[in-house]
Structures are given as C-alpha cells and as structure tokens.
Amino acid sequence: MNFETMYFVVEEIDGDYAHLKRTDKEAADLLLVARALLPDSIKEGTELKYEMLQYSIVK
C-alpha cells in the first residue's frame, strides 16, 4: 500500500463531490472525491494534505 503524502487544492465543489487538483506533482486530471471523506469546512480554494488515508486542511 502506498502511504505517500500528497497535496491538493479544491478546484470545484459539485454537490456531494469535490474536484481536487494535485499541487505537489504534475497531474493532468482532477481527482473526484466524495465530500464525506473531506473536512466539513472545505470550500473552493482550500488546500488539503492527504496522508495516512486522511485529508486535512493545510491552511
């Protein structure tokens, strides 16, 4: 299992899903993630860290 730390920014919130763009590494596609897996207080532009199978707000 890969436990790499990754950084994202919330590009768009679309109902129960959020579109995340990876910021620490070049990635062409946005990642679609269920909002239930993300911190409650996210909004567009929120910076997130994914580590040990959890998302947390960076700023």
PDB file of N, CA and C in Angstrom:
ATOM      1  N   MET A   1       0.840  -1.177   0.000  1.00  0.00           N
ATOM      2  CA  MET A   1       0.000   0.000   0.000  1.00  0.00           C
ATOM      3  C   MET A   1       0.886   1.242   0.000  1.00  0.00           C
ATOM      4  N   ASN A   2       0.490   2.242  -0.760  1.00  0.00           N
ATOM      5  CA  ASN A   2       1.269   3.469  -0.888  1.00  0.00           C
ATOM      6  C   ASN A   2       0.762   4.517   0.100  1.00  0.00           C
ATOM      7  N   PHE A   3       1.604   4.925   1.047  1.00  0.00           N
ATOM      8  CA  PHE A   3       1.224   5.931   2.035  1.00  0.00           C
ATOM      9  C   PHE A   3       1.934   7.252   1.774  1.00  0.00           C
ATOM     10  N   GLU A   4       2.081   7.593   0.513  1.00  0.00           N
ATOM     11  CA  GLU A   4       2.716   8.839   0.104  1.00  0.00           C
ATOM     12  C   GLU A   4       1.864  10.036   0.552  1.00  0.00           C
ATOM     13  N   THR A   5       2.516  11.095   1.013  1.00  0.00           N
ATOM     14  CA  THR A   5       1.822  12.338   1.351  1.00  0.00           C
ATOM     15  C   THR A   5       1.606  13.124   0.062  1.00  0.00           C
ATOM     16  N   MET A   6       0.370  13.593  -0.139  1.00  0.00           N
ATOM     17  CA  MET A   6       0.019  14.338  -1.344  1.00  0.00           C
ATOM     18  C   MET A   6      -0.693  15.633  -0.957  1.00  0.00           C
ATOM     19  N   TYR A   7      -0.541  16.642  -1.791  1.00  0.00           N
ATOM     20  CA  TYR A   7      -1.171  17.940  -1.544  1.00  0.00           C
ATOM     21  C   TYR A   7      -2.105  18.286  -2.691  1.00  0.00           C
ATOM     22  N   PHE A   8      -3.257  18.864  -2.334  1.00  0.00           N
ATOM     23  CA  PHE A   8      -4.293  19.197  -3.305  1.00  0.00           C
ATOM     24  C   PHE A   8      -4.865  20.568  -2.995  1.00  0.00           C
ATOM     25  N   VAL A   9      -5.558  21.122  -3.981  1.00  0.00           N
ATOM     26  CA  VAL A   9      -6.386  22.312  -3.782  1.00  0.00           C
ATOM     27  C   VAL A   9      -7.773  21.953  -4.311  1.00  0.00           C
ATOM     28  N   VAL A  10      -8.804  22.426  -3.603  1.00  0.00           N
ATOM     29  CA  VAL A  10     -10.177  22.183  -4.036  1.00  0.00           C
ATOM     30  C   VAL A  10     -10.472  23.127  -5.201  1.00  0.00           C
ATOM     31  N   GLU A  11     -10.632  22.570  -6.381  1.00  0.00           N
ATOM     32  CA  GLU A  11     -10.901  23.360  -7.584  1.00  0.00           C
ATOM     33  C   GLU A  11     -12.383  23.697  -7.707  1.00  0.00           C
ATOM     34  N   GLU A  12     -13.244  22.728  -7.374  1.00  0.00           N
ATOM     35  CA  GLU A  12     -14.682  22.923  -7.553  1.00  0.00           C
ATOM     36  C   GLU A  12     -15.427  22.002  -6.601  1.00  0.00           C
ATOM     37  N   ILE A  13     -16.545  22.495  -6.064  1.00  0.00           N
ATOM     38  CA  ILE A  13     -17.437  21.665  -5.267  1.00  0.00           C
ATOM     39  C   ILE A  13     -18.693  21.466  -6.095  1.00  0.00           C
ATOM     40  N   ASP A  14     -19.071  20.201  -6.253  1.00  0.00           N
ATOM     41  CA  ASP A  14     -20.194  19.837  -7.110  1.00  0.00           C
ATOM     42  C   ASP A  14     -21.115  18.897  -6.321  1.00  0.00           C
ATOM     43  N   GLY A  15     -22.024  19.471  -5.546  1.00  0.00           N
ATOM     44  CA  GLY A  15     -22.944  18.665  -4.738  1.00  0.00           C
ATOM     45  C   GLY A  15     -22.205  17.889  -3.671  1.00  0.00           C
ATOM     46  N   ASP A  16     -22.300  16.567  -3.724  1.00  0.00           N
ATOM     47  CA  ASP A  16     -21.669  15.701  -2.725  1.00  0.00           C
ATOM     48  C   ASP A  16     -20.230  15.353  -3.068  1.00  0.00           C
ATOM     49  N   TYR A  17     -19.676  15.980  -4.090  1.00  0.00           N
ATOM     50  CA  TYR A  17     -18.321  15.672  -4.542  1.00  0.00           C
ATOM     51  C   TYR A  17     -17.479  16.937  -4.657  1.00  0.00           C
ATOM     52  N   ALA A  18     -16.173  16.760  -4.567  1.00  0.00           N
ATOM     53  CA  ALA A  18     -15.234  17.865  -4.766  1.00  0.00           C
ATOM     54  C   ALA A  18     -14.207  17.419  -5.805  1.00  0.00           C
ATOM     55  N   HIS A  19     -13.822  18.346  -6.658  1.00  0.00           N
ATOM     56  CA  HIS A  19     -12.793  18.104  -7.665  1.00  0.00           C
ATOM     57  C   HIS A  19     -11.490  18.666  -7.113  1.00  0.00           C
ATOM     58  N   LEU A  20     -10.508  17.796  -6.927  1.00  0.00           N
ATOM     59  CA  LEU A  20      -9.229  18.199  -6.344  1.00  0.00           C
ATOM     60  C   LEU A  20      -8.137  18.193  -7.412  1.00  0.00           C
ATOM     61  N   LYS A  21      -7.283  19.215  -7.349  1.00  0.00           N
ATOM     62  CA  LYS A  21      -6.124  19.296  -8.245  1.00  0.00           C
ATOM     63  C   LYS A  21      -4.871  19.084  -7.408  1.00  0.00           C
ATOM     64  N   ARG A  22      -4.036  18.185  -7.852  1.00  0.00           N
ATOM     65  CA  ARG A  22      -2.787  17.904  -7.134  1.00  0.00           C
ATOM     66  C   ARG A  22      -1.828  19.067  -7.329  1.00  0.00           C
ATOM     67  N   THR A  23      -1.196  19.517  -6.243  1.00  0.00           N
ATOM     68  CA  THR A  23      -0.315  20.679  -6.319  1.00  0.00           C
ATOM     69  C   THR A  23       1.156  20.339  -6.092  1.00  0.00           C
ATOM     70  N   ASP A  24       1.449  19.173  -5.572  1.00  0.00           N
ATOM     71  CA  ASP A  24       2.838  18.816  -5.286  1.00  0.00           C
ATOM     72  C   ASP A  24       3.503  18.047  -6.422  1.00  0.00           C
ATOM     73  N   LYS A  25       2.721  17.640  -7.404  1.00  0.00           N
ATOM     74  CA  LYS A  25       3.227  16.848  -8.511  1.00  0.00           C
ATOM     75  C   LYS A  25       2.355  17.139  -9.724  1.00  0.00           C
ATOM     76  N   GLU A  26       2.933  17.104 -10.884  1.00  0.00           N
ATOM     77  CA  GLU A  26       2.182  17.358 -12.119  1.00  0.00           C
ATOM     78  C   GLU A  26       1.167  16.242 -12.348  1.00  0.00           C
ATOM     79  N   ALA A  27      -0.099  16.639 -12.484  1.00  0.00           N
ATOM     80  CA  ALA A  27      -1.164  15.678 -12.769  1.00  0.00           C
ATOM     81  C   ALA A  27      -2.144  16.338 -13.731  1.00  0.00           C
ATOM     82  N   ALA A  28      -2.475  15.640 -14.800  1.00  0.00           N
ATOM     83  CA  ALA A  28      -3.337  16.208 -15.833  1.00  0.00           C
ATOM     84  C   ALA A  28      -4.806  16.224 -15.417  1.00  0.00           C
ATOM     85  N   ASP A  29      -5.238  15.225 -14.674  1.00  0.00           N
ATOM     86  CA  ASP A  29      -6.649  15.080 -14.345  1.00  0.00           C
ATOM     87  C   ASP A  29      -6.950  15.553 -12.929  1.00  0.00           C
ATOM     88  N   LEU A  30      -8.184  15.984 -12.739  1.00  0.00           N
ATOM     89  CA  LEU A  30      -8.667  16.308 -11.404  1.00  0.00           C
ATOM     90  C   LEU A  30      -9.136  15.019 -10.741  1.00  0.00           C
ATOM     91  N   LEU A  31      -9.023  14.973  -9.428  1.00  0.00           N
ATOM     92  CA  LEU A  31      -9.455  13.816  -8.653  1.00  0.00           C
ATOM     93  C   LEU A  31     -10.834  14.113  -8.088  1.00  0.00           C
ATOM     94  N   LEU A  32     -11.792  13.239  -8.332  1.00  0.00           N
ATOM     95  CA  LEU A  32     -13.148  13.391  -7.830  1.00  0.00           C
ATOM     96  C   LEU A  32     -13.253  12.633  -6.511  1.00  0.00           C
ATOM     97  N   VAL A  33     -13.581  13.358  -5.422  1.00  0.00           N
ATOM     98  CA  VAL A  33     -13.621  12.768  -4.088  1.00  0.00           C
ATOM     99  C   VAL A  33     -14.955  13.096  -3.438  1.00  0.00           C
ATOM    100  N   ALA A  34     -15.562  12.110  -2.792  1.00  0.00           N
ATOM    101  CA  ALA A  34     -16.802  12.337  -2.052  1.00  0.00           C
ATOM    102  C   ALA A  34     -16.532  13.299  -0.898  1.00  0.00           C
ATOM    103  N   ARG A  35     -17.400  14.277  -0.717  1.00  0.00           N
ATOM    104  CA  ARG A  35     -17.210  15.278   0.336  1.00  0.00           C
ATOM    105  C   ARG A  35     -17.242  14.651   1.725  1.00  0.00           C
ATOM    106  N   ALA A  36     -17.871  13.492   1.864  1.00  0.00           N
ATOM    107  CA  ALA A  36     -17.912  12.808   3.156  1.00  0.00           C
ATOM    108  C   ALA A  36     -16.513  12.402   3.620  1.00  0.00           C
ATOM    109  N   LEU A  37     -15.566  12.296   2.699  1.00  0.00           N
ATOM    110  CA  LEU A  37     -14.191  11.921   3.040  1.00  0.00           C
ATOM    111  C   LEU A  37     -13.310  13.132   3.359  1.00  0.00           C
ATOM    112  N   LEU A  38     -13.849  14.331   3.149  1.00  0.00           N
ATOM    113  CA  LEU A  38     -13.084  15.573   3.320  1.00  0.00           C
ATOM    114  C   LEU A  38     -13.537  16.310   4.575  1.00  0.00           C
ATOM    115  N   PRO A  39     -12.691  17.201   5.101  1.00  0.00           N
ATOM    116  CA  PRO A  39     -13.100  18.007   6.261  1.00  0.00           C
ATOM    117  C   PRO A  39     -14.359  18.817   5.940  1.00  0.00           C
ATOM    118  N   ASP A  40     -15.219  19.012   6.933  1.00  0.00           N
ATOM    119  CA  ASP A  40     -16.505  19.692   6.742  1.00  0.00           C
ATOM    120  C   ASP A  40     -16.373  21.124   6.236  1.00  0.00           C
ATOM    121  N   SER A  41     -15.338  21.823   6.634  1.00  0.00           N
ATOM    122  CA  SER A  41     -15.237  23.259   6.353  1.00  0.00           C
ATOM    123  C   SER A  41     -14.551  23.602   5.031  1.00  0.00           C
ATOM    124  N   ILE A  42     -14.417  22.648   4.121  1.00  0.00           N
ATOM    125  CA  ILE A  42     -13.754  22.958   2.849  1.00  0.00           C
ATOM    126  C   ILE A  42     -14.611  23.884   1.999  1.00  0.00           C
ATOM    127  N   LYS A  43     -13.944  24.639   1.149  1.00  0.00           N
ATOM    128  CA  LYS A  43     -14.586  25.464   0.131  1.00  0.00           C
ATOM    129  C   LYS A  43     -13.622  25.523  -1.041  1.00  0.00           C
ATOM    130  N   GLU A  44     -14.050  26.086  -2.142  1.00  0.00           N
ATOM    131  CA  GLU A  44     -13.168  26.185  -3.305  1.00  0.00           C
ATOM    132  C   GLU A  44     -11.941  27.010  -2.933  1.00  0.00           C
ATOM    133  N   GLY A  45     -10.762  26.499  -3.262  1.00  0.00           N
ATOM    134  CA  GLY A  45      -9.514  27.162  -2.935  1.00  0.00           C
ATOM    135  C   GLY A  45      -8.837  26.620  -1.683  1.00  0.00           C
ATOM    136  N   THR A  46      -9.527  25.775  -0.919  1.00  0.00           N
ATOM    137  CA  THR A  46      -8.939  25.183   0.288  1.00  0.00           C
ATOM    138  C   THR A  46      -7.794  24.257  -0.090  1.00  0.00           C
ATOM    139  N   GLU A  47      -6.689  24.374   0.622  1.00  0.00           N
ATOM    140  CA  GLU A  47      -5.533  23.496   0.402  1.00  0.00           C
ATOM    141  C   GLU A  47      -5.619  22.318   1.356  1.00  0.00           C
ATOM    142  N   LEU A  48      -5.421  21.116   0.802  1.00  0.00           N
ATOM    143  CA  LEU A  48      -5.548  19.894   1.576  1.00  0.00           C
ATOM    144  C   LEU A  48      -4.274  19.067   1.516  1.00  0.00           C
ATOM    145  N   LYS A  49      -4.066  18.304   2.579  1.00  0.00           N
ATOM    146  CA  LYS A  49      -2.978  17.319   2.619  1.00  0.00           C
ATOM    147  C   LYS A  49      -3.617  15.950   2.788  1.00  0.00           C
ATOM    148  N   TYR A  50      -3.178  14.984   1.989  1.00  0.00           N
ATOM    149  CA  TYR A  50      -3.650  13.608   2.093  1.00  0.00           C
ATOM    150  C   TYR A  50      -2.502  12.773   2.638  1.00  0.00           C
ATOM    151  N   GLU A  51      -2.726  12.195   3.808  1.00  0.00           N
ATOM    152  CA  GLU A  51      -1.666  11.428   4.471  1.00  0.00           C
ATOM    153  C   GLU A  51      -2.310  10.361   5.340  1.00  0.00           C
ATOM    154  N   MET A  52      -1.806   9.159   5.266  1.00  0.00           N
ATOM    155  CA  MET A  52      -2.302   8.036   6.060  1.00  0.00           C
ATOM    156  C   MET A  52      -3.814   7.847   5.873  1.00  0.00           C
ATOM    157  N   LEU A  53      -4.257   7.931   4.624  1.00  0.00           N
ATOM    158  CA  LEU A  53      -5.640   7.702   4.217  1.00  0.00           C
ATOM    159  C   LEU A  53      -6.614   8.744   4.756  1.00  0.00           C
ATOM    160  N   GLN A  54      -6.139   9.950   5.113  1.00  0.00           N
ATOM    161  CA  GLN A  54      -6.997  11.013   5.602  1.00  0.00           C
ATOM    162  C   GLN A  54      -6.630  12.337   4.951  1.00  0.00           C
ATOM    163  N   TYR A  55      -7.662  13.155   4.719  1.00  0.00           N
ATOM    164  CA  TYR A  55      -7.472  14.511   4.215  1.00  0.00           C
ATOM    165  C   TYR A  55      -7.537  15.484   5.385  1.00  0.00           C
ATOM    166  N   SER A  56      -6.644  16.471   5.390  1.00  0.00           N
ATOM    167  CA  SER A  56      -6.684  17.526   6.398  1.00  0.00           C
ATOM    168  C   SER A  56      -6.399  18.855   5.714  1.00  0.00           C
ATOM    169  N   ILE A  57      -6.906  19.931   6.325  1.00  0.00           N
ATOM    170  CA  ILE A  57      -6.727  21.257   5.761  1.00  0.00           C
ATOM    171  C   ILE A  57      -5.330  21.775   6.113  1.00  0.00           C
ATOM    172  N   VAL A  58      -4.631  22.281   5.107  1.00  0.00           N
ATOM    173  CA  VAL A  58      -3.278  22.807   5.306  1.00  0.00           C
ATOM    174  C   VAL A  58      -3.346  24.241   5.814  1.00  0.00           C
ATOM    175  N   LYS A  59      -4.186  25.060   5.182  1.00  0.00           N
ATOM    176  CA  LYS A  59      -4.305  26.478   5.582  1.00  0.00           C
ATOM    177  C   LYS A  59      -5.743  26.796   5.867  1.00  0.00           C
TER     178      LYS A  59
END
